[in-house]
Amino acid sequence: MFHKEGHKIIFTTFIMVVAAFLLVDTFIHQVWLQKVLWILFLVFFILILQFFRNPKRNTLVKNKHIVSPVDGKVVVIEEVFEKEYFKDKRLQVSVFMSPLNVHVTRYPIGGVIVYSKYHPGKYLVAWHPKASEENERTTVVVENKTYGKVLYRQIAGALAKRIVNYAKVDVNVTQGSDSGFIKFGSRVDLFLPLNTQIKVQLNQKVRGGESIIAEMND
């Protein structure tokens, strides 16, 4: 199953690869070189398919849990001052996605969207300390009656040139459902209440919609 954001790119890539196969067959007569080029084109197409895959995830919907919004590796766990929306201290958990990860963004918690904003910006590498504030990004805040307000931020990386954000203010959303897509390498930051109990560790690999990032303290 492929994400709808990739349908046009997959179709265009398929046409280009077929055309490349025909050109190689027509103009290159060395058999070994033909095979090498065909393999390279095929590998390229497989990588495009892999990037836009959208595997089904079984989200255990719970108001006391924050699930990972994306697949990737936890690269930041720290207390920070969130400048854009809360303007106070929050726990930040950041997940970095390589180009080989699934790039679907999912709602980390269910509730009502109270804030959604796009920011144009730079394309620093996604793990750069200033990427959260200077790169192209979107900021979304979901308000959950049990957990409170949770902010997540999609951040473009050096390769990511388009962020897709489906979140619209005043819409009720379901935990684990699609909230957007980031094309070609990126990261997502979560900003959580200080009394949150973090359930992941640095460098831990997580799965979007399934891995529990944090839970509410009783």
C-alpha atoms as a PDB file:
ATOM      1  CA  MET A   1       0.000   0.000   0.000  1.00  0.00           C
ATOM      2  CA  PHE A   2       1.383   3.395  -1.009  1.00  0.00           C
ATOM      3  CA  HIS A   3       0.605   6.817   0.399  1.00  0.00           C
ATOM      4  CA  LYS A   4      -1.512   9.094  -1.768  1.00  0.00           C
ATOM      5  CA  GLU A   5       1.248  11.741  -1.706  1.00  0.00           C
ATOM      6  CA  GLY A   6       3.416   9.379  -3.734  1.00  0.00           C
ATOM      7  CA  HIS A   7       0.976   8.336  -6.457  1.00  0.00           C
ATOM      8  CA  LYS A   8       2.043  10.967  -9.002  1.00  0.00           C
ATOM      9  CA  ILE A   9       5.741  10.546  -8.274  1.00  0.00           C
ATOM     10  CA  ILE A  10       5.504   6.747  -8.495  1.00  0.00           C
ATOM     11  CA  PHE A  11       3.647   6.943 -11.832  1.00  0.00           C
ATOM     12  CA  THR A  12       6.116   9.498 -13.255  1.00  0.00           C
ATOM     13  CA  THR A  13       9.087   7.454 -12.074  1.00  0.00           C
ATOM     14  CA  PHE A  14       7.620   4.303 -13.611  1.00  0.00           C
ATOM     15  CA  ILE A  15       7.262   6.021 -17.010  1.00  0.00           C
ATOM     16  CA  MET A  16      10.828   7.351 -16.784  1.00  0.00           C
ATOM     17  CA  VAL A  17      12.231   3.936 -15.877  1.00  0.00           C
ATOM     18  CA  VAL A  18      10.373   2.220 -18.738  1.00  0.00           C
ATOM     19  CA  ALA A  19      11.665   4.883 -21.135  1.00  0.00           C
ATOM     20  CA  ALA A  20      15.192   4.426 -19.790  1.00  0.00           C
ATOM     21  CA  PHE A  21      14.957   0.658 -20.297  1.00  0.00           C
ATOM     22  CA  LEU A  22      13.918   1.168 -23.921  1.00  0.00           C
ATOM     23  CA  LEU A  23      16.682   3.721 -24.568  1.00  0.00           C
ATOM     24  CA  VAL A  24      19.308   1.409 -23.117  1.00  0.00           C
ATOM     25  CA  ASP A  25      18.021  -1.479 -25.225  1.00  0.00           C
ATOM     26  CA  THR A  26      18.082   0.690 -28.361  1.00  0.00           C
ATOM     27  CA  PHE A  27      21.368   2.569 -28.055  1.00  0.00           C
ATOM     28  CA  ILE A  28      23.627   0.417 -25.857  1.00  0.00           C
ATOM     29  CA  HIS A  29      24.750  -2.866 -27.334  1.00  0.00           C
ATOM     30  CA  GLN A  30      27.132  -4.188 -24.693  1.00  0.00           C
ATOM     31  CA  VAL A  31      25.107  -6.799 -22.820  1.00  0.00           C
ATOM     32  CA  TRP A  32      26.965  -6.343 -19.512  1.00  0.00           C
ATOM     33  CA  LEU A  33      26.420  -2.569 -19.575  1.00  0.00           C
ATOM     34  CA  GLN A  34      22.735  -3.018 -20.414  1.00  0.00           C
ATOM     35  CA  LYS A  35      22.285  -5.284 -17.397  1.00  0.00           C
ATOM     36  CA  VAL A  36      24.112  -2.898 -15.072  1.00  0.00           C
ATOM     37  CA  LEU A  37      21.981   0.063 -16.160  1.00  0.00           C
ATOM     38  CA  TRP A  38      18.749  -1.928 -15.968  1.00  0.00           C
ATOM     39  CA  ILE A  39      19.604  -3.007 -12.430  1.00  0.00           C
ATOM     40  CA  LEU A  40      20.371   0.593 -11.410  1.00  0.00           C
ATOM     41  CA  PHE A  41      17.072   1.872 -12.837  1.00  0.00           C
ATOM     42  CA  LEU A  42      15.169  -0.951 -11.141  1.00  0.00           C
ATOM     43  CA  VAL A  43      16.836  -0.283  -7.776  1.00  0.00           C
ATOM     44  CA  PHE A  44      15.978   3.414  -8.097  1.00  0.00           C
ATOM     45  CA  PHE A  45      12.325   2.588  -8.736  1.00  0.00           C
ATOM     46  CA  ILE A  46      12.230   0.177  -5.784  1.00  0.00           C
ATOM     47  CA  LEU A  47      13.654   2.907  -3.510  1.00  0.00           C
ATOM     48  CA  ILE A  48      10.896   5.294  -4.626  1.00  0.00           C
ATOM     49  CA  LEU A  49       8.277   2.634  -3.882  1.00  0.00           C
ATOM     50  CA  GLN A  50       9.798   2.014  -0.467  1.00  0.00           C
ATOM     51  CA  PHE A  51       9.846   5.687   0.411  1.00  0.00           C
ATOM     52  CA  PHE A  52       6.132   6.138  -0.239  1.00  0.00           C
ATOM     53  CA  ARG A  53       4.936   2.935   1.385  1.00  0.00           C
ATOM     54  CA  ASN A  54       2.130   3.351   3.906  1.00  0.00           C
ATOM     55  CA  PRO A  55       1.929   0.213   6.040  1.00  0.00           C
ATOM     56  CA  LYS A  56      -1.120  -0.342   8.198  1.00  0.00           C
ATOM     57  CA  ARG A  57      -0.452   0.302  11.866  1.00  0.00           C
ATOM     58  CA  ASN A  58      -2.444  -1.032  14.799  1.00  0.00           C
ATOM     59  CA  THR A  59      -2.742   1.920  17.157  1.00  0.00           C
ATOM     60  CA  LEU A  60      -3.958   1.166  20.654  1.00  0.00           C
ATOM     61  CA  VAL A  61      -5.986   4.345  21.205  1.00  0.00           C
ATOM     62  CA  LYS A  62      -5.431   5.662  24.730  1.00  0.00           C
ATOM     63  CA  ASN A  63      -5.818   9.185  26.040  1.00  0.00           C
ATOM     64  CA  LYS A  64      -3.025   8.646  28.573  1.00  0.00           C
ATOM     65  CA  HIS A  65      -0.469   7.602  25.939  1.00  0.00           C
ATOM     66  CA  ILE A  66       1.500   9.564  23.359  1.00  0.00           C
ATOM     67  CA  VAL A  67       2.419   7.397  20.374  1.00  0.00           C
ATOM     68  CA  SER A  68       5.255   8.121  18.024  1.00  0.00           C
ATOM     69  CA  PRO A  69       4.087  10.282  15.105  1.00  0.00           C
ATOM     70  CA  VAL A  70       6.655   8.724  12.738  1.00  0.00           C
ATOM     71  CA  ASP A  71       9.043   5.840  12.182  1.00  0.00           C
ATOM     72  CA  GLY A  72      12.659   6.560  13.020  1.00  0.00           C
ATOM     73  CA  LYS A  73      15.189   6.965  15.810  1.00  0.00           C
ATOM     74  CA  VAL A  74      14.859   9.042  18.982  1.00  0.00           C
ATOM     75  CA  VAL A  75      17.597  11.684  18.820  1.00  0.00           C
ATOM     76  CA  VAL A  76      16.519  14.217  21.470  1.00  0.00           C
ATOM     77  CA  ILE A  77      15.022  13.908  24.948  1.00  0.00           C
ATOM     78  CA  GLU A  78      15.362  17.111  26.930  1.00  0.00           C
ATOM     79  CA  GLU A  79      13.600  19.925  28.739  1.00  0.00           C
ATOM     80  CA  VAL A  80      13.384  23.043  26.555  1.00  0.00           C
ATOM     81  CA  PHE A  81      11.631  26.394  26.331  1.00  0.00           C
ATOM     82  CA  GLU A  82       9.006  26.161  23.560  1.00  0.00           C
ATOM     83  CA  LYS A  83       8.855  29.618  21.940  1.00  0.00           C
ATOM     84  CA  GLU A  84       6.088  29.436  19.362  1.00  0.00           C
ATOM     85  CA  TYR A  85       2.903  28.339  21.115  1.00  0.00           C
ATOM     86  CA  PHE A  86       3.281  27.444  24.788  1.00  0.00           C
ATOM     87  CA  LYS A  87       6.004  29.985  25.584  1.00  0.00           C
ATOM     88  CA  ASP A  88       7.046  27.919  28.584  1.00  0.00           C
ATOM     89  CA  LYS A  89       9.098  24.832  29.401  1.00  0.00           C
ATOM     90  CA  ARG A  90       8.210  21.485  27.857  1.00  0.00           C
ATOM     91  CA  LEU A  91       9.741  18.057  27.428  1.00  0.00           C
ATOM     92  CA  GLN A  92      10.976  17.678  23.863  1.00  0.00           C
ATOM     93  CA  VAL A  93      11.257  14.278  22.198  1.00  0.00           C
ATOM     94  CA  SER A  94      12.554  14.272  18.620  1.00  0.00           C
ATOM     95  CA  VAL A  95      12.445  11.414  16.114  1.00  0.00           C
ATOM     96  CA  PHE A  96      14.768  11.475  13.106  1.00  0.00           C
ATOM     97  CA  MET A  97      13.727   9.752   9.870  1.00  0.00           C
ATOM     98  CA  SER A  98      16.222   8.506   7.320  1.00  0.00           C
ATOM     99  CA  PRO A  99      15.193   8.324   3.645  1.00  0.00           C
ATOM    100  CA  LEU A 100      14.578   4.589   4.174  1.00  0.00           C
ATOM    101  CA  ASN A 101      11.979   5.097   6.932  1.00  0.00           C
ATOM    102  CA  VAL A 102       8.219   5.320   6.394  1.00  0.00           C
ATOM    103  CA  HIS A 103       7.525   9.059   6.104  1.00  0.00           C
ATOM    104  CA  VAL A 104       3.846   9.136   7.007  1.00  0.00           C
ATOM    105  CA  THR A 105       3.156  11.455   9.951  1.00  0.00           C
ATOM    106  CA  ARG A 106       0.472  10.283  12.383  1.00  0.00           C
ATOM    107  CA  TYR A 107      -1.387  12.067  15.173  1.00  0.00           C
ATOM    108  CA  PRO A 108       0.414  11.274  18.450  1.00  0.00           C
ATOM    109  CA  ILE A 109      -2.825  11.661  20.396  1.00  0.00           C
ATOM    110  CA  GLY A 110      -6.501  12.129  19.627  1.00  0.00           C
ATOM    111  CA  GLY A 111      -8.419  15.323  20.288  1.00  0.00           C
ATOM    112  CA  VAL A 112      -9.223  18.708  18.763  1.00  0.00           C
ATOM    113  CA  ILE A 113      -6.683  20.625  16.703  1.00  0.00           C
ATOM    114  CA  VAL A 114      -6.314  24.073  18.240  1.00  0.00           C
ATOM    115  CA  TYR A 115      -3.299  25.307  16.245  1.00  0.00           C
ATOM    116  CA  SER A 116      -1.818  24.525  12.839  1.00  0.00           C
ATOM    117  CA  LYS A 117       0.740  26.726  11.124  1.00  0.00           C
ATOM    118  CA  TYR A 118       3.234  26.420   8.268  1.00  0.00           C
ATOM    119  CA  HIS A 119       6.618  28.173   8.432  1.00  0.00           C
ATOM    120  CA  PRO A 120       8.877  28.575   5.390  1.00  0.00           C
ATOM    121  CA  GLY A 121      12.560  28.253   6.175  1.00  0.00           C
ATOM    122  CA  LYS A 122      15.953  26.729   5.538  1.00  0.00           C
ATOM    123  CA  TYR A 123      16.947  23.141   4.764  1.00  0.00           C
ATOM    124  CA  LEU A 124      19.606  22.437   7.378  1.00  0.00           C
ATOM    125  CA  VAL A 125      20.284  18.764   8.077  1.00  0.00           C
ATOM    126  CA  ALA A 126      17.433  17.485  10.237  1.00  0.00           C
ATOM    127  CA  TRP A 127      19.621  16.739  13.276  1.00  0.00           C
ATOM    128  CA  HIS A 128      21.052  20.288  13.355  1.00  0.00           C
ATOM    129  CA  PRO A 129      20.289  22.013  16.727  1.00  0.00           C
ATOM    130  CA  LYS A 130      18.696  24.982  14.950  1.00  0.00           C
ATOM    131  CA  ALA A 131      16.586  22.915  12.522  1.00  0.00           C
ATOM    132  CA  SER A 132      13.563  23.068  14.848  1.00  0.00           C
ATOM    133  CA  GLU A 133      13.448  26.865  14.604  1.00  0.00           C
ATOM    134  CA  GLU A 134      15.036  27.721  11.242  1.00  0.00           C
ATOM    135  CA  ASN A 135      14.021  24.968   8.797  1.00  0.00           C
ATOM    136  CA  GLU A 136      10.812  24.745   6.811  1.00  0.00           C
ATOM    137  CA  ARG A 137       8.304  23.276   9.258  1.00  0.00           C
ATOM    138  CA  THR A 138       4.718  22.969  10.401  1.00  0.00           C
ATOM    139  CA  THR A 139       3.533  23.237  13.996  1.00  0.00           C
ATOM    140  CA  VAL A 140       0.355  21.498  15.156  1.00  0.00           C
ATOM    141  CA  VAL A 141      -1.222  21.453  18.619  1.00  0.00           C
ATOM    142  CA  VAL A 142      -3.800  18.810  19.563  1.00  0.00           C
ATOM    143  CA  GLU A 143      -5.844  19.305  22.717  1.00  0.00           C
ATOM    144  CA  ASN A 144      -6.859  16.123  24.507  1.00  0.00           C
ATOM    145  CA  LYS A 145      -9.272  16.369  27.455  1.00  0.00           C
ATOM    146  CA  THR A 146      -7.263  13.852  29.468  1.00  0.00           C
ATOM    147  CA  TYR A 147      -3.679  14.691  28.496  1.00  0.00           C
ATOM    148  CA  GLY A 148      -3.950  18.393  27.769  1.00  0.00           C
ATOM    149  CA  LYS A 149      -2.239  20.071  24.811  1.00  0.00           C
ATOM    150  CA  VAL A 150       0.444  18.278  22.823  1.00  0.00           C
ATOM    151  CA  LEU A 151       2.518  20.010  20.145  1.00  0.00           C
ATOM    152  CA  TYR A 152       4.248  18.209  17.305  1.00  0.00           C
ATOM    153  CA  ARG A 153       6.389  19.824  14.641  1.00  0.00           C
ATOM    154  CA  GLN A 154       7.223  18.411  11.207  1.00  0.00           C
ATOM    155  CA  ILE A 155      10.677  19.613  10.158  1.00  0.00           C
ATOM    156  CA  ALA A 156      12.161  19.464   6.674  1.00  0.00           C
ATOM    157  CA  GLY A 157      15.728  18.196   6.326  1.00  0.00           C
ATOM    158  CA  ALA A 158      18.474  18.739   3.769  1.00  0.00           C
ATOM    159  CA  LEU A 159      16.675  16.445   1.303  1.00  0.00           C
ATOM    160  CA  ALA A 160      13.062  17.139   2.281  1.00  0.00           C
ATOM    161  CA  LYS A 161      11.609  19.756  -0.020  1.00  0.00           C
ATOM    162  CA  ARG A 162       7.932  19.437   0.752  1.00  0.00           C
ATOM    163  CA  ILE A 163       5.975  19.050   3.955  1.00  0.00           C
ATOM    164  CA  VAL A 164       2.345  17.979   3.705  1.00  0.00           C
ATOM    165  CA  ASN A 165       0.145  18.824   6.692  1.00  0.00           C
ATOM    166  CA  TYR A 166      -3.499  17.705   6.903  1.00  0.00           C
ATOM    167  CA  ALA A 167      -4.209  19.219  10.334  1.00  0.00           C
ATOM    168  CA  LYS A 168      -6.946  21.871  10.333  1.00  0.00           C
ATOM    169  CA  VAL A 169      -8.044  23.898  13.346  1.00  0.00           C
ATOM    170  CA  ASP A 170     -11.248  22.781  15.140  1.00  0.00           C
ATOM    171  CA  VAL A 171     -11.195  19.315  13.560  1.00  0.00           C
ATOM    172  CA  ASN A 172     -11.441  16.244  15.803  1.00  0.00           C
ATOM    173  CA  VAL A 173      -8.699  13.725  15.019  1.00  0.00           C
ATOM    174  CA  THR A 174      -8.011  10.120  15.972  1.00  0.00           C
ATOM    175  CA  GLN A 175      -4.768   8.993  17.536  1.00  0.00           C
ATOM    176  CA  GLY A 176      -2.596   7.177  14.999  1.00  0.00           C
ATOM    177  CA  SER A 177      -4.429   8.411  11.889  1.00  0.00           C
ATOM    178  CA  ASP A 178      -2.554  10.154   9.051  1.00  0.00           C
ATOM    179  CA  SER A 179      -1.723  13.790   9.779  1.00  0.00           C
ATOM    180  CA  GLY A 180       0.682  14.447   6.927  1.00  0.00           C
ATOM    181  CA  PHE A 181       3.796  13.433   5.031  1.00  0.00           C
ATOM    182  CA  ILE A 182       7.361  14.720   4.702  1.00  0.00           C
ATOM    183  CA  LYS A 183       9.150  13.969   1.454  1.00  0.00           C
ATOM    184  CA  PHE A 184      12.748  12.708   1.519  1.00  0.00           C
ATOM    185  CA  GLY A 185      14.335  12.771   4.984  1.00  0.00           C
ATOM    186  CA  SER A 186      13.268  14.801   8.003  1.00  0.00           C
ATOM    187  CA  ARG A 187      12.381  14.830  11.678  1.00  0.00           C
ATOM    188  CA  VAL A 188       9.416  15.376  13.999  1.00  0.00           C
ATOM    189  CA  ASP A 189       9.592  17.081  17.413  1.00  0.00           C
ATOM    190  CA  LEU A 190       7.092  16.459  20.205  1.00  0.00           C
ATOM    191  CA  PHE A 191       6.592  18.970  23.028  1.00  0.00           C
ATOM    192  CA  LEU A 192       4.945  17.440  26.074  1.00  0.00           C
ATOM    193  CA  PRO A 193       3.928  18.593  29.591  1.00  0.00           C
ATOM    194  CA  LEU A 194       6.756  18.502  32.141  1.00  0.00           C
ATOM    195  CA  ASN A 195       4.965  15.904  34.270  1.00  0.00           C
ATOM    196  CA  THR A 196       4.966  13.425  31.378  1.00  0.00           C
ATOM    197  CA  GLN A 197       6.662  10.068  31.922  1.00  0.00           C
ATOM    198  CA  ILE A 198       8.976   9.400  28.959  1.00  0.00           C
ATOM    199  CA  LYS A 199       8.917   5.746  27.839  1.00  0.00           C
ATOM    200  CA  VAL A 200      11.706   5.797  25.236  1.00  0.00           C
ATOM    201  CA  GLN A 201      15.477   6.214  25.297  1.00  0.00           C
ATOM    202  CA  LEU A 202      17.964   8.014  23.083  1.00  0.00           C
ATOM    203  CA  ASN A 203      18.792   6.119  19.886  1.00  0.00           C
ATOM    204  CA  GLN A 204      15.771   3.851  20.323  1.00  0.00           C
ATOM    205  CA  LYS A 205      13.986   2.954  17.093  1.00  0.00           C
ATOM    206  CA  VAL A 206      10.254   3.660  17.092  1.00  0.00           C
ATOM    207  CA  ARG A 207       7.273   2.908  14.847  1.00  0.00           C
ATOM    208  CA  GLY A 208       4.736   5.576  13.961  1.00  0.00           C
ATOM    209  CA  GLY A 209       1.305   4.980  15.449  1.00  0.00           C
ATOM    210  CA  GLU A 210       2.465   2.072  17.623  1.00  0.00           C
ATOM    211  CA  SER A 211       5.486   2.853  19.805  1.00  0.00           C
ATOM    212  CA  ILE A 212       4.584   4.599  23.073  1.00  0.00           C
ATOM    213  CA  ILE A 213       6.704   7.741  23.452  1.00  0.00           C
ATOM    214  CA  ALA A 214       5.266   8.896  26.774  1.00  0.00           C
ATOM    215  CA  GLU A 215       2.394   8.430  29.168  1.00  0.00           C
ATOM    216  CA  MET A 216       0.577  10.633  31.621  1.00  0.00           C
ATOM    217  CA  ASN A 217       1.584  10.370  35.259  1.00  0.00           C
ATOM    218  CA  ASP A 218      -1.306   9.395  37.540  1.00  0.00           C
END
